[in-house]
Amino acid sequence: MPILSLQMLSLIASIFMQCSSNCLANLDNVYNMVSYTPLALGNIDTTEALLKPWSLACQSNTGGTVTVPQGRFLVNTVTFQGPCNGPMTFNVNGILKAPITPSTGEDHWILFANVDGLTISGKGVFDGQGPIAWSICKNGASCPRRPASLKFNSVKNAKIEGISSINNNFFHFNIFGCENFNVNGDDFISLGPGITNINISSIISGPGHGISIGSLRGSLGEPPVRGIIVYDSTITVNDVENPIIIDHNYCPHGSCGRQDGGSQVRISNVKFINIKGKSASEDSQIPTKATRSNFYGTFYGSQVPQRCMNIA
């Protein structure tokens, strides 16, 4: 029976240890980013260590998984580009930190584009380090537009669950041109032009803006907003005079209305069902700036006080 020398055993052990992080990490098309960087210090750029496993998983015959283990990883502005050969999973259990300097002009920190079948999961954190960037801007620095933490362009059949997004520079998520997009979260939601057929559920938020649909008619030919359903949600408001506002003439752009002062936004088929809450004012109202001839409201059930709609 042959006897292995200590030198041979040491060599075998070394080869096994070097292979363990790469070979086992890539089992079943699972790519661990630490296979491409051993550093989790939070102050060394690890962007390429995420792009490499993404590329390998994306080019795999059946798609794959990119994993971020526990630790702190600095990631610069980056795009995870599709299309891929199969569904992709981005599993985050560590903390991904954005650069501390303000955006260089991009409207995103992390972008997922043209992916069909995307899951972002885990118990990790996307830290936009917004407060540091805000302090730099307040001190007189020239600050370009602030980026969304995560942006999704033309992504289909997506699901986001488990992860947290904190200290955002601007929006947490910017979802554009996507289909069948499932987000489980507890923060505020803003819906803009062209959004259709969105179901929002299990939202727990407040105080803040809650859910807003607006800033419409910023440009001619703007696509409409349709089919928005919100259910099984709790939005907390404190000392708010009018918790629900329908503003027919809301215009943050300064050039939304017609020359005769009328609105260019048509609002129809809006229903609020089983809404409960308290208002800071004695008259809990649903105000609207539409004219009487354009607004028709019907109320059912208990109303305290009886007059709970104000038409300006």
C-alpha atoms as a PDB file:
ATOM      1  CA  MET A   1       0.000   0.000   0.000  1.00  0.00           C
ATOM      2  CA  PRO A   2       1.580   3.290  -1.048  1.00  0.00           C
ATOM      3  CA  ILE A   3       2.333   5.855   1.638  1.00  0.00           C
ATOM      4  CA  LEU A   4       1.706   9.510   0.911  1.00  0.00           C
ATOM      5  CA  SER A   5       4.391  11.886   2.064  1.00  0.00           C
ATOM      6  CA  LEU A   6       3.597  14.934   4.187  1.00  0.00           C
ATOM      7  CA  GLN A   7       4.475  17.137   1.224  1.00  0.00           C
ATOM      8  CA  MET A   8       1.951  15.333  -0.995  1.00  0.00           C
ATOM      9  CA  LEU A   9      -0.790  15.549   1.642  1.00  0.00           C
ATOM     10  CA  SER A  10      -0.101  19.234   2.060  1.00  0.00           C
ATOM     11  CA  LEU A  11      -0.337  19.764  -1.706  1.00  0.00           C
ATOM     12  CA  ILE A  12      -3.642  17.873  -1.927  1.00  0.00           C
ATOM     13  CA  ALA A  13      -5.052  19.885   0.971  1.00  0.00           C
ATOM     14  CA  SER A  14      -3.981  23.126  -0.671  1.00  0.00           C
ATOM     15  CA  ILE A  15      -5.603  22.193  -3.980  1.00  0.00           C
ATOM     16  CA  PHE A  16      -8.812  21.192  -2.176  1.00  0.00           C
ATOM     17  CA  MET A  17      -8.953  24.442  -0.219  1.00  0.00           C
ATOM     18  CA  GLN A  18      -8.419  26.528  -3.343  1.00  0.00           C
ATOM     19  CA  CYS A  19     -11.080  24.600  -5.209  1.00  0.00           C
ATOM     20  CA  SER A  20     -13.659  24.568  -2.425  1.00  0.00           C
ATOM     21  CA  SER A  21     -14.681  28.191  -2.782  1.00  0.00           C
ATOM     22  CA  ASN A  22     -14.874  28.078  -6.582  1.00  0.00           C
ATOM     23  CA  CYS A  23     -15.854  24.519  -7.433  1.00  0.00           C
ATOM     24  CA  LEU A  24     -18.519  24.128  -4.775  1.00  0.00           C
ATOM     25  CA  ALA A  25     -19.768  27.683  -5.220  1.00  0.00           C
ATOM     26  CA  ASN A  26     -20.542  26.989  -8.858  1.00  0.00           C
ATOM     27  CA  LEU A  27     -22.425  23.785  -8.136  1.00  0.00           C
ATOM     28  CA  ASP A  28     -25.816  23.857  -9.915  1.00  0.00           C
ATOM     29  CA  ASN A  29     -24.924  27.189 -11.499  1.00  0.00           C
ATOM     30  CA  VAL A  30     -24.593  28.990  -8.150  1.00  0.00           C
ATOM     31  CA  TYR A  31     -21.804  31.580  -8.248  1.00  0.00           C
ATOM     32  CA  ASN A  32     -20.555  33.080  -4.995  1.00  0.00           C
ATOM     33  CA  MET A  33     -18.996  36.512  -5.356  1.00  0.00           C
ATOM     34  CA  VAL A  34     -16.296  35.733  -2.772  1.00  0.00           C
ATOM     35  CA  SER A  35     -14.877  33.321  -5.309  1.00  0.00           C
ATOM     36  CA  TYR A  36     -13.798  36.420  -7.197  1.00  0.00           C
ATOM     37  CA  THR A  37     -12.808  38.638  -4.271  1.00  0.00           C
ATOM     38  CA  PRO A  38     -11.737  37.613  -0.754  1.00  0.00           C
ATOM     39  CA  LEU A  39     -12.389  41.116   0.596  1.00  0.00           C
ATOM     40  CA  ALA A  40     -15.507  42.065   2.515  1.00  0.00           C
ATOM     41  CA  LEU A  41     -14.204  45.202   4.170  1.00  0.00           C
ATOM     42  CA  GLY A  42     -16.744  47.667   2.796  1.00  0.00           C
ATOM     43  CA  ASN A  43     -14.130  50.115   1.499  1.00  0.00           C
ATOM     44  CA  ILE A  44     -12.658  48.263  -1.503  1.00  0.00           C
ATOM     45  CA  ASP A  45     -14.505  48.240  -4.833  1.00  0.00           C
ATOM     46  CA  THR A  46     -15.961  44.777  -5.479  1.00  0.00           C
ATOM     47  CA  THR A  47     -18.066  45.668  -8.529  1.00  0.00           C
ATOM     48  CA  GLU A  48     -16.177  43.320 -10.851  1.00  0.00           C
ATOM     49  CA  ALA A  49     -16.584  40.499  -8.335  1.00  0.00           C
ATOM     50  CA  LEU A  50     -20.338  40.788  -8.917  1.00  0.00           C
ATOM     51  CA  LEU A  51     -20.203  41.292 -12.669  1.00  0.00           C
ATOM     52  CA  LYS A  52     -18.111  38.155 -13.256  1.00  0.00           C
ATOM     53  CA  PRO A  53     -20.490  35.669 -11.566  1.00  0.00           C
ATOM     54  CA  TRP A  54     -23.469  37.450 -13.142  1.00  0.00           C
ATOM     55  CA  SER A  55     -21.954  36.981 -16.589  1.00  0.00           C
ATOM     56  CA  LEU A  56     -21.226  33.293 -15.957  1.00  0.00           C
ATOM     57  CA  ALA A  57     -24.679  32.578 -14.564  1.00  0.00           C
ATOM     58  CA  CYS A  58     -26.385  34.569 -17.332  1.00  0.00           C
ATOM     59  CA  GLN A  59     -24.519  32.652 -20.037  1.00  0.00           C
ATOM     60  CA  SER A  60     -25.273  29.287 -18.449  1.00  0.00           C
ATOM     61  CA  ASN A  61     -27.677  27.106 -20.405  1.00  0.00           C
ATOM     62  CA  THR A  62     -30.333  27.315 -17.684  1.00  0.00           C
ATOM     63  CA  GLY A  63     -29.524  30.584 -15.950  1.00  0.00           C
ATOM     64  CA  GLY A  64     -28.144  30.620 -12.436  1.00  0.00           C
ATOM     65  CA  THR A  65     -27.715  32.257  -9.061  1.00  0.00           C
ATOM     66  CA  VAL A  66     -25.349  34.951  -7.869  1.00  0.00           C
ATOM     67  CA  THR A  67     -24.856  34.920  -4.105  1.00  0.00           C
ATOM     68  CA  VAL A  68     -23.570  37.663  -1.824  1.00  0.00           C
ATOM     69  CA  PRO A  69     -22.539  36.184   1.539  1.00  0.00           C
ATOM     70  CA  GLN A  70     -22.437  37.991   4.862  1.00  0.00           C
ATOM     71  CA  GLY A  71     -20.015  40.909   4.924  1.00  0.00           C
ATOM     72  CA  ARG A  72     -19.792  44.495   3.678  1.00  0.00           C
ATOM     73  CA  PHE A  73     -19.108  45.094   0.000  1.00  0.00           C
ATOM     74  CA  LEU A  74     -18.590  48.412  -1.770  1.00  0.00           C
ATOM     75  CA  VAL A  75     -20.265  48.409  -5.187  1.00  0.00           C
ATOM     76  CA  ASN A  76     -20.045  51.279  -7.674  1.00  0.00           C
ATOM     77  CA  THR A  77     -22.666  52.133 -10.295  1.00  0.00           C
ATOM     78  CA  VAL A  78     -23.267  48.890 -12.156  1.00  0.00           C
ATOM     79  CA  THR A  79     -25.563  47.298 -14.757  1.00  0.00           C
ATOM     80  CA  PHE A  80     -26.537  43.616 -14.702  1.00  0.00           C
ATOM     81  CA  GLN A  81     -27.433  43.136 -18.315  1.00  0.00           C
ATOM     82  CA  GLY A  82     -29.599  40.536 -19.996  1.00  0.00           C
ATOM     83  CA  PRO A  83     -30.987  38.781 -21.833  1.00  0.00           C
ATOM     84  CA  CYS A  84     -29.873  35.597 -20.111  1.00  0.00           C
ATOM     85  CA  ASN A  85     -30.292  31.969 -21.103  1.00  0.00           C
ATOM     86  CA  GLY A  86     -32.554  31.240 -18.152  1.00  0.00           C
ATOM     87  CA  PRO A  87     -34.013  32.644 -14.921  1.00  0.00           C
ATOM     88  CA  MET A  88     -31.599  34.567 -12.699  1.00  0.00           C
ATOM     89  CA  THR A  89     -31.478  34.784  -8.916  1.00  0.00           C
ATOM     90  CA  PHE A  90     -29.594  37.491  -7.061  1.00  0.00           C
ATOM     91  CA  ASN A  91     -29.333  36.228  -3.480  1.00  0.00           C
ATOM     92  CA  VAL A  92     -28.032  38.814  -1.021  1.00  0.00           C
ATOM     93  CA  ASN A  93     -27.220  38.081   2.609  1.00  0.00           C
ATOM     94  CA  GLY A  94     -24.504  40.676   3.081  1.00  0.00           C
ATOM     95  CA  ILE A  95     -24.524  44.471   2.884  1.00  0.00           C
ATOM     96  CA  LEU A  96     -23.940  46.130  -0.483  1.00  0.00           C
ATOM     97  CA  LYS A  97     -22.856  49.738  -0.030  1.00  0.00           C
ATOM     98  CA  ALA A  98     -23.069  52.483  -2.636  1.00  0.00           C
ATOM     99  CA  PRO A  99     -20.252  55.009  -3.175  1.00  0.00           C
ATOM    100  CA  ILE A 100     -20.299  57.796  -0.608  1.00  0.00           C
ATOM    101  CA  THR A 101     -19.939  60.550  -3.217  1.00  0.00           C
ATOM    102  CA  PRO A 102     -23.004  61.874  -5.048  1.00  0.00           C
ATOM    103  CA  SER A 103     -24.045  60.331  -8.354  1.00  0.00           C
ATOM    104  CA  THR A 104     -21.944  61.035 -11.437  1.00  0.00           C
ATOM    105  CA  GLY A 105     -25.130  61.679 -13.401  1.00  0.00           C
ATOM    106  CA  GLU A 106     -26.595  58.183 -13.690  1.00  0.00           C
ATOM    107  CA  ASP A 107     -30.191  57.808 -12.539  1.00  0.00           C
ATOM    108  CA  HIS A 108     -29.418  54.544 -10.770  1.00  0.00           C
ATOM    109  CA  TRP A 109     -26.923  52.834  -8.518  1.00  0.00           C
ATOM    110  CA  ILE A 110     -27.692  49.222  -9.513  1.00  0.00           C
ATOM    111  CA  LEU A 111     -29.529  48.476 -12.757  1.00  0.00           C
ATOM    112  CA  PHE A 112     -31.059  45.199 -13.932  1.00  0.00           C
ATOM    113  CA  ALA A 113     -31.954  45.358 -17.627  1.00  0.00           C
ATOM    114  CA  ASN A 114     -33.642  43.020 -20.147  1.00  0.00           C
ATOM    115  CA  VAL A 115     -33.951  40.024 -17.854  1.00  0.00           C
ATOM    116  CA  ASP A 116     -36.813  37.538 -18.117  1.00  0.00           C
ATOM    117  CA  GLY A 117     -37.189  35.704 -14.815  1.00  0.00           C
ATOM    118  CA  LEU A 118     -35.421  37.630 -12.043  1.00  0.00           C
ATOM    119  CA  THR A 119     -35.537  36.929  -8.321  1.00  0.00           C
ATOM    120  CA  ILE A 120     -33.825  39.151  -5.760  1.00  0.00           C
ATOM    121  CA  SER A 121     -33.929  37.464  -2.385  1.00  0.00           C
ATOM    122  CA  GLY A 122     -32.123  36.925   0.891  1.00  0.00           C
ATOM    123  CA  LYS A 123     -31.810  38.808   4.164  1.00  0.00           C
ATOM    124  CA  GLY A 124     -29.231  41.292   2.932  1.00  0.00           C
ATOM    125  CA  VAL A 125     -29.216  45.069   2.647  1.00  0.00           C
ATOM    126  CA  PHE A 126     -28.762  47.547  -0.198  1.00  0.00           C
ATOM    127  CA  ASP A 127     -27.312  50.624   1.510  1.00  0.00           C
ATOM    128  CA  GLY A 128     -27.448  53.710  -0.703  1.00  0.00           C
ATOM    129  CA  GLN A 129     -25.471  55.753   1.850  1.00  0.00           C
ATOM    130  CA  GLY A 130     -27.800  58.626   1.089  1.00  0.00           C
ATOM    131  CA  PRO A 131     -27.230  60.695   4.248  1.00  0.00           C
ATOM    132  CA  ILE A 132     -23.535  61.075   3.405  1.00  0.00           C
ATOM    133  CA  ALA A 133     -24.335  62.258  -0.124  1.00  0.00           C
ATOM    134  CA  TRP A 134     -27.015  64.620   1.240  1.00  0.00           C
ATOM    135  CA  SER A 135     -24.524  66.204   3.631  1.00  0.00           C
ATOM    136  CA  ILE A 136     -22.061  66.790   0.785  1.00  0.00           C
ATOM    137  CA  CYS A 137     -24.778  68.497  -1.271  1.00  0.00           C
ATOM    138  CA  LYS A 138     -25.860  70.663   1.647  1.00  0.00           C
ATOM    139  CA  ASN A 139     -22.303  71.899   2.078  1.00  0.00           C
ATOM    140  CA  GLY A 140     -22.405  73.657  -1.279  1.00  0.00           C
ATOM    141  CA  ALA A 141     -21.109  70.929  -3.566  1.00  0.00           C
ATOM    142  CA  SER A 142     -22.491  70.716  -7.096  1.00  0.00           C
ATOM    143  CA  CYS A 143     -24.851  67.754  -6.986  1.00  0.00           C
ATOM    144  CA  PRO A 144     -26.211  66.101 -10.134  1.00  0.00           C
ATOM    145  CA  ARG A 145     -29.476  64.196 -10.071  1.00  0.00           C
ATOM    146  CA  ARG A 146     -29.659  61.651  -7.322  1.00  0.00           C
ATOM    147  CA  PRO A 147     -29.823  57.977  -8.295  1.00  0.00           C
ATOM    148  CA  ALA A 148     -32.422  55.385  -7.421  1.00  0.00           C
ATOM    149  CA  SER A 149     -30.914  52.544  -5.432  1.00  0.00           C
ATOM    150  CA  LEU A 150     -32.215  49.803  -7.723  1.00  0.00           C
ATOM    151  CA  LYS A 151     -33.573  50.356 -11.214  1.00  0.00           C
ATOM    152  CA  PHE A 152     -35.277  47.782 -13.399  1.00  0.00           C
ATOM    153  CA  ASN A 153     -35.590  48.308 -17.163  1.00  0.00           C
ATOM    154  CA  SER A 154     -37.601  45.891 -19.313  1.00  0.00           C
ATOM    155  CA  VAL A 155     -37.563  43.128 -16.703  1.00  0.00           C
ATOM    156  CA  LYS A 156     -40.230  40.414 -16.915  1.00  0.00           C
ATOM    157  CA  ASN A 157     -41.488  37.889 -14.370  1.00  0.00           C
ATOM    158  CA  ALA A 158     -39.606  39.347 -11.421  1.00  0.00           C
ATOM    159  CA  LYS A 159     -39.921  38.905  -7.675  1.00  0.00           C
ATOM    160  CA  ILE A 160     -38.239  40.846  -4.868  1.00  0.00           C
ATOM    161  CA  GLU A 161     -38.507  39.479  -1.355  1.00  0.00           C
ATOM    162  CA  GLY A 162     -36.666  39.464   1.947  1.00  0.00           C
ATOM    163  CA  ILE A 163     -34.004  42.084   1.184  1.00  0.00           C
ATOM    164  CA  SER A 164     -33.912  45.616   2.641  1.00  0.00           C
ATOM    165  CA  SER A 165     -33.154  48.935   0.964  1.00  0.00           C
ATOM    166  CA  ILE A 166     -31.972  51.738   3.251  1.00  0.00           C
ATOM    167  CA  ASN A 167     -30.474  55.229   3.053  1.00  0.00           C
ATOM    168  CA  ASN A 168     -31.608  55.722  -0.528  1.00  0.00           C
ATOM    169  CA  ASN A 169     -30.377  58.797  -2.424  1.00  0.00           C
ATOM    170  CA  PHE A 170     -33.702  59.154  -4.239  1.00  0.00           C
ATOM    171  CA  PHE A 171     -36.157  56.319  -4.940  1.00  0.00           C
ATOM    172  CA  HIS A 172     -35.555  52.879  -3.488  1.00  0.00           C
ATOM    173  CA  PHE A 173     -36.794  51.123  -6.652  1.00  0.00           C
ATOM    174  CA  ASN A 174     -37.365  52.578 -10.115  1.00  0.00           C
ATOM    175  CA  ILE A 175     -39.398  50.138 -12.212  1.00  0.00           C
ATOM    176  CA  PHE A 176     -39.657  51.029 -15.914  1.00  0.00           C
ATOM    177  CA  GLY A 177     -41.144  49.064 -18.797  1.00  0.00           C
ATOM    178  CA  CYS A 178     -41.504  45.877 -16.717  1.00  0.00           C
ATOM    179  CA  GLU A 179     -44.102  43.091 -16.794  1.00  0.00           C
ATOM    180  CA  ASN A 180     -45.337  40.775 -14.032  1.00  0.00           C
ATOM    181  CA  PHE A 181     -43.232  42.435 -11.337  1.00  0.00           C
ATOM    182  CA  ASN A 182     -43.835  41.245  -7.764  1.00  0.00           C
ATOM    183  CA  VAL A 183     -42.411  43.328  -4.921  1.00  0.00           C
ATOM    184  CA  ASN A 184     -42.952  42.519  -1.259  1.00  0.00           C
ATOM    185  CA  GLY A 185     -42.158  45.560   0.840  1.00  0.00           C
ATOM    186  CA  ASP A 186     -43.274  48.037   3.461  1.00  0.00           C
ATOM    187  CA  ASP A 187     -42.306  51.443   2.111  1.00  0.00           C
ATOM    188  CA  PHE A 188     -43.997  54.188   0.148  1.00  0.00           C
ATOM    189  CA  ILE A 189     -44.984  53.822  -3.487  1.00  0.00           C
ATOM    190  CA  SER A 190     -45.101  56.433  -6.243  1.00  0.00           C
ATOM    191  CA  LEU A 191     -46.689  55.592  -9.587  1.00  0.00           C
ATOM    192  CA  GLY A 192     -46.010  57.703 -12.662  1.00  0.00           C
ATOM    193  CA  PRO A 193     -47.071  57.876 -16.323  1.00  0.00           C
ATOM    194  CA  GLY A 194     -47.573  54.649 -18.270  1.00  0.00           C
ATOM    195  CA  ILE A 195     -48.109  52.371 -15.265  1.00  0.00           C
ATOM    196  CA  THR A 196     -50.842  49.789 -15.944  1.00  0.00           C
ATOM    197  CA  ASN A 197     -52.333  46.749 -14.212  1.00  0.00           C
ATOM    198  CA  ILE A 198     -50.510  46.965 -10.872  1.00  0.00           C
ATOM    199  CA  ASN A 199     -51.634  45.057  -7.759  1.00  0.00           C
ATOM    200  CA  ILE A 200     -50.237  46.407  -4.464  1.00  0.00           C
ATOM    201  CA  SER A 201     -50.816  44.396  -1.292  1.00  0.00           C
ATOM    202  CA  SER A 202     -49.564  43.916   2.274  1.00  0.00           C
ATOM    203  CA  ILE A 203     -48.091  47.422   2.458  1.00  0.00           C
ATOM    204  CA  ILE A 204     -47.371  48.833   5.923  1.00  0.00           C
ATOM    205  CA  SER A 205     -46.139  52.400   5.709  1.00  0.00           C
ATOM    206  CA  GLY A 206     -46.196  55.798   7.362  1.00  0.00           C
ATOM    207  CA  PRO A 207     -45.892  58.509   8.178  1.00  0.00           C
ATOM    208  CA  GLY A 208     -45.032  59.906   4.763  1.00  0.00           C
ATOM    209  CA  HIS A 209     -46.507  60.161   1.296  1.00  0.00           C
ATOM    210  CA  GLY A 210     -48.117  56.721   1.438  1.00  0.00           C
ATOM    211  CA  ILE A 211     -49.132  55.766  -2.088  1.00  0.00           C
ATOM    212  CA  SER A 212     -49.231  58.467  -4.743  1.00  0.00           C
ATOM    213  CA  ILE A 213     -50.321  58.460  -8.361  1.00  0.00           C
ATOM    214  CA  GLY A 214     -49.408  61.721  -9.917  1.00  0.00           C
ATOM    215  CA  SER A 215     -47.114  64.239 -11.546  1.00  0.00           C
ATOM    216  CA  LEU A 216     -49.027  63.470 -14.738  1.00  0.00           C
ATOM    217  CA  ARG A 217     -49.145  65.469 -17.964  1.00  0.00           C
ATOM    218  CA  GLY A 218     -45.547  66.558 -17.707  1.00  0.00           C
ATOM    219  CA  SER A 219     -45.349  66.218 -21.518  1.00  0.00           C
ATOM    220  CA  LEU A 220     -47.675  65.843 -24.490  1.00  0.00           C
ATOM    221  CA  GLY A 221     -48.624  62.318 -25.497  1.00  0.00           C
ATOM    222  CA  GLU A 222     -47.909  60.980 -22.027  1.00  0.00           C
ATOM    223  CA  PRO A 223     -49.304  57.437 -21.548  1.00  0.00           C
ATOM    224  CA  PRO A 224     -52.146  57.025 -19.021  1.00  0.00           C
ATOM    225  CA  VAL A 225     -52.197  55.264 -15.666  1.00  0.00           C
ATOM    226  CA  ARG A 226     -54.726  52.419 -15.473  1.00  0.00           C
ATOM    227  CA  GLY A 227     -55.675  49.380 -13.432  1.00  0.00           C
ATOM    228  CA  ILE A 228     -54.102  50.225 -10.043  1.00  0.00           C
ATOM    229  CA  ILE A 229     -55.456  48.089  -7.173  1.00  0.00           C
ATOM    230  CA  VAL A 230     -54.329  48.436  -3.547  1.00  0.00           C
ATOM    231  CA  TYR A 231     -55.620  45.963  -0.964  1.00  0.00           C
ATOM    232  CA  ASP A 232     -54.874  44.435   2.454  1.00  0.00           C
ATOM    233  CA  SER A 233     -52.633  47.354   3.366  1.00  0.00           C
ATOM    234  CA  THR A 234     -52.122  49.730   6.294  1.00  0.00           C
ATOM    235  CA  ILE A 235     -51.001  53.315   5.730  1.00  0.00           C
ATOM    236  CA  THR A 236     -50.514  55.296   8.933  1.00  0.00           C
ATOM    237  CA  VAL A 237     -51.089  59.052   8.868  1.00  0.00           C
ATOM    238  CA  ASN A 238     -50.565  61.347  11.846  1.00  0.00           C
ATOM    239  CA  ASP A 239     -52.250  64.765  12.162  1.00  0.00           C
ATOM    240  CA  VAL A 240     -53.146  64.921   8.469  1.00  0.00           C
ATOM    241  CA  GLU A 241     -56.104  67.146   7.576  1.00  0.00           C
ATOM    242  CA  ASN A 242     -57.010  65.292   4.388  1.00  0.00           C
ATOM    243  CA  PRO A 243     -55.654  61.725   4.245  1.00  0.00           C
ATOM    244  CA  ILE A 244     -57.079  61.155   0.750  1.00  0.00           C
ATOM    245  CA  ILE A 245     -56.590  63.809  -1.911  1.00  0.00           C
ATOM    246  CA  ILE A 246     -57.772  63.758  -5.522  1.00  0.00           C
ATOM    247  CA  ASP A 247     -56.239  66.848  -7.110  1.00  0.00           C
ATOM    248  CA  HIS A 248     -57.448  67.347 -10.661  1.00  0.00           C
ATOM    249  CA  ASN A 249     -55.153  70.297 -11.274  1.00  0.00           C
ATOM    250  CA  TYR A 250     -51.993  69.168  -9.494  1.00  0.00           C
ATOM    251  CA  CYS A 251     -49.095  70.574 -11.491  1.00  0.00           C
ATOM    252  CA  PRO A 252     -45.538  70.352 -10.136  1.00  0.00           C
ATOM    253  CA  HIS A 253     -44.084  71.188 -13.569  1.00  0.00           C
ATOM    254  CA  GLY A 254     -45.606  74.656 -13.877  1.00  0.00           C
ATOM    255  CA  SER A 255     -47.061  74.123 -17.383  1.00  0.00           C
ATOM    256  CA  CYS A 256     -49.651  71.359 -17.110  1.00  0.00           C
ATOM    257  CA  GLY A 257     -52.981  73.172 -17.498  1.00  0.00           C
ATOM    258  CA  ARG A 258     -54.754  74.513 -20.545  1.00  0.00           C
ATOM    259  CA  GLN A 259     -54.715  78.219 -21.272  1.00  0.00           C
ATOM    260  CA  ASP A 260     -58.273  78.505 -19.948  1.00  0.00           C
ATOM    261  CA  GLY A 261     -57.138  77.087 -16.610  1.00  0.00           C
ATOM    262  CA  GLY A 262     -58.775  73.699 -17.095  1.00  0.00           C
ATOM    263  CA  SER A 263     -57.124  70.386 -16.332  1.00  0.00           C
ATOM    264  CA  GLN A 264     -55.592  68.146 -18.985  1.00  0.00           C
ATOM    265  CA  VAL A 265     -55.897  65.109 -16.717  1.00  0.00           C
ATOM    266  CA  ARG A 266     -59.040  62.966 -16.815  1.00  0.00           C
ATOM    267  CA  ILE A 267     -59.769  60.927 -13.690  1.00  0.00           C
ATOM    268  CA  SER A 268     -62.421  58.206 -13.765  1.00  0.00           C
ATOM    269  CA  ASN A 269     -63.486  54.953 -12.083  1.00  0.00           C
ATOM    270  CA  VAL A 270     -61.812  55.623  -8.743  1.00  0.00           C
ATOM    271  CA  LYS A 271     -63.101  53.614  -5.772  1.00  0.00           C
ATOM    272  CA  PHE A 272     -62.133  53.578  -2.090  1.00  0.00           C
ATOM    273  CA  ILE A 273     -63.596  50.562  -0.285  1.00  0.00           C
ATOM    274  CA  ASN A 274     -63.510  49.841   3.465  1.00  0.00           C
ATOM    275  CA  ILE A 275     -61.283  52.804   4.268  1.00  0.00           C
ATOM    276  CA  LYS A 276     -60.905  53.517   7.976  1.00  0.00           C
ATOM    277  CA  GLY A 277     -58.920  56.152   9.807  1.00  0.00           C
ATOM    278  CA  LYS A 278     -58.802  59.492  11.588  1.00  0.00           C
ATOM    279  CA  SER A 279     -58.183  63.015  10.381  1.00  0.00           C
ATOM    280  CA  ALA A 280     -56.592  65.989  12.105  1.00  0.00           C
ATOM    281  CA  SER A 281     -59.515  68.164  10.976  1.00  0.00           C
ATOM    282  CA  GLU A 282     -63.081  67.957  12.267  1.00  0.00           C
ATOM    283  CA  ASP A 283     -64.304  67.562   8.707  1.00  0.00           C
ATOM    284  CA  SER A 284     -62.587  64.474   7.311  1.00  0.00           C
ATOM    285  CA  GLN A 285     -62.743  65.217   3.613  1.00  0.00           C
ATOM    286  CA  ILE A 286     -61.746  63.877   0.244  1.00  0.00           C
ATOM    287  CA  PRO A 287     -60.933  67.161  -1.518  1.00  0.00           C
ATOM    288  CA  THR A 288     -60.799  67.581  -5.255  1.00  0.00           C
ATOM    289  CA  LYS A 289     -60.032  70.572  -7.432  1.00  0.00           C
ATOM    290  CA  ALA A 290     -62.287  69.365 -10.218  1.00  0.00           C
ATOM    291  CA  THR A 291     -65.331  71.487 -11.066  1.00  0.00           C
ATOM    292  CA  ARG A 292     -68.760  70.359  -9.911  1.00  0.00           C
ATOM    293  CA  SER A 293     -69.783  69.544 -13.474  1.00  0.00           C
ATOM    294  CA  ASN A 294     -66.849  67.154 -13.836  1.00  0.00           C
ATOM    295  CA  PHE A 295     -66.919  65.364 -10.499  1.00  0.00           C
ATOM    296  CA  TYR A 296     -69.491  62.826  -9.345  1.00  0.00           C
ATOM    297  CA  GLY A 297     -69.032  61.174  -5.971  1.00  0.00           C
ATOM    298  CA  THR A 298     -71.160  58.560  -4.188  1.00  0.00           C
ATOM    299  CA  PHE A 299     -70.664  57.406  -0.602  1.00  0.00           C
ATOM    300  CA  TYR A 300     -71.911  54.259   1.078  1.00  0.00           C
ATOM    301  CA  GLY A 301     -71.889  53.207   4.731  1.00  0.00           C
ATOM    302  CA  SER A 302     -71.071  55.222   7.834  1.00  0.00           C
ATOM    303  CA  GLN A 303     -69.732  58.762   7.420  1.00  0.00           C
ATOM    304  CA  VAL A 304     -68.590  60.776  10.438  1.00  0.00           C
ATOM    305  CA  PRO A 305     -69.308  63.601   9.984  1.00  0.00           C
ATOM    306  CA  GLN A 306     -71.962  63.269   7.273  1.00  0.00           C
ATOM    307  CA  ARG A 307     -70.314  65.810   4.951  1.00  0.00           C
ATOM    308  CA  CYS A 308     -67.068  64.109   4.065  1.00  0.00           C
ATOM    309  CA  MET A 309     -66.457  65.320   0.516  1.00  0.00           C
ATOM    310  CA  ASN A 310     -65.341  68.769  -0.476  1.00  0.00           C
ATOM    311  CA  ILE A 311     -65.572  69.932  -4.090  1.00  0.00           C
ATOM    312  CA  ALA A 312     -63.508  73.074  -4.626  1.00  0.00           C
END
